[in-house]
C-alpha atoms as a PDB file:
ATOM      1  CA  MET A   1      -0.058 -10.092  -6.492  1.00  0.00           C
ATOM      2  CA  ARG A   2      -0.373 -13.475  -8.161  1.00  0.00           C
ATOM      3  CA  LEU A   3      -4.134 -13.151  -7.919  1.00  0.00           C
ATOM      4  CA  LEU A   4      -4.084  -9.940  -9.940  1.00  0.00           C
ATOM      5  CA  ARG A   5      -1.912 -11.531 -12.633  1.00  0.00           C
ATOM      6  CA  LEU A   6      -4.288 -14.498 -12.848  1.00  0.00           C
ATOM      7  CA  ALA A   7      -7.311 -12.202 -13.073  1.00  0.00           C
ATOM      8  CA  VAL A   8      -5.767 -10.181 -15.900  1.00  0.00           C
ATOM      9  CA  GLU A   9      -4.599 -13.253 -17.829  1.00  0.00           C
ATOM     10  CA  THR A  10      -8.075 -14.781 -17.699  1.00  0.00           C
ATOM     11  CA  GLN A  11      -9.647 -11.354 -18.366  1.00  0.00           C
ATOM     12  CA  ASN A  12     -11.715 -11.586 -15.207  1.00  0.00           C
ATOM     13  CA  TRP A  13     -12.032  -7.834 -14.725  1.00  0.00           C
ATOM     14  CA  ASP A  14     -14.302  -8.009 -11.658  1.00  0.00           C
ATOM     15  CA  LEU A  15     -11.702 -10.071  -9.810  1.00  0.00           C
ATOM     16  CA  ALA A  16      -8.928  -7.746 -10.958  1.00  0.00           C
ATOM     17  CA  ALA A  17     -10.801  -4.686  -9.709  1.00  0.00           C
ATOM     18  CA  HIS A  18     -11.584  -6.289  -6.358  1.00  0.00           C
ATOM     19  CA  THR A  19      -7.951  -7.334  -5.963  1.00  0.00           C
ATOM     20  CA  ILE A  20      -6.756  -3.784  -6.571  1.00  0.00           C
ATOM     21  CA  VAL A  21      -9.273  -2.363  -4.101  1.00  0.00           C
ATOM     22  CA  LEU A  22      -8.327  -4.936  -1.465  1.00  0.00           C
ATOM     23  CA  ALA A  23      -4.612  -4.258  -1.888  1.00  0.00           C
ATOM     24  CA  THR A  24      -5.195  -0.504  -1.627  1.00  0.00           C
ATOM     25  CA  ALA A  25      -7.291  -0.922   1.526  1.00  0.00           C
ATOM     26  CA  ILE A  26      -4.587  -3.047   3.159  1.00  0.00           C
ATOM     27  CA  ILE A  27      -1.902  -0.497   2.298  1.00  0.00           C
ATOM     28  CA  LEU A  28      -3.955   2.409   3.628  1.00  0.00           C
ATOM     29  CA  LYS A  29      -4.864   0.541   6.811  1.00  0.00           C
ATOM     30  CA  ASN A  30      -1.250  -0.325   7.644  1.00  0.00           C
ATOM     31  CA  ARG A  31       0.219   2.951   6.443  1.00  0.00           C
ATOM     32  CA  VAL A  32       2.296   5.022   8.784  1.00  0.00           C
ATOM     33  CA  ARG A  33       3.541   8.460   7.927  1.00  0.00           C
ATOM     34  CA  PRO A  34       6.690   7.806   5.897  1.00  0.00           C
ATOM     35  CA  ASN A  35       8.390  11.027   7.008  1.00  0.00           C
ATOM     36  CA  ALA A  36       7.456  10.812  10.691  1.00  0.00           C
ATOM     37  CA  LYS A  37      10.851   9.468  11.793  1.00  0.00           C
ATOM     38  CA  ARG A  38      12.742  11.907   9.618  1.00  0.00           C
ATOM     39  CA  LYS A  39      10.850  14.918  11.024  1.00  0.00           C
ATOM     40  CA  ALA A  40      11.266  13.683  14.592  1.00  0.00           C
ATOM     41  CA  ARG A  41      15.034  13.500  14.130  1.00  0.00           C
ATOM     42  CA  LYS A  42      15.184  17.048  12.795  1.00  0.00           C
ATOM     43  CA  ARG A  43      13.289  18.441  15.781  1.00  0.00           C
ATOM     44  CA  SER A  44      15.423  16.691  18.385  1.00  0.00           C
ATOM     45  CA  PRO A  45      18.119  18.834  20.003  1.00  0.00           C
ATOM     46  CA  LYS A  46      21.734  18.115  19.169  1.00  0.00           C
ATOM     47  CA  GLY A  47      24.189  17.016  21.797  1.00  0.00           C
END
């Protein structure tokens, strides 16, 4: 996030906004369900 810090320090708001949007898109693209493993373990039979 060095790019975002640089954009804010230089008050380049267009660059800051684009950086935030890009970071959000990357997170959403690579996102897996955080509770998927936890739910799978609960459903598995014991023993």
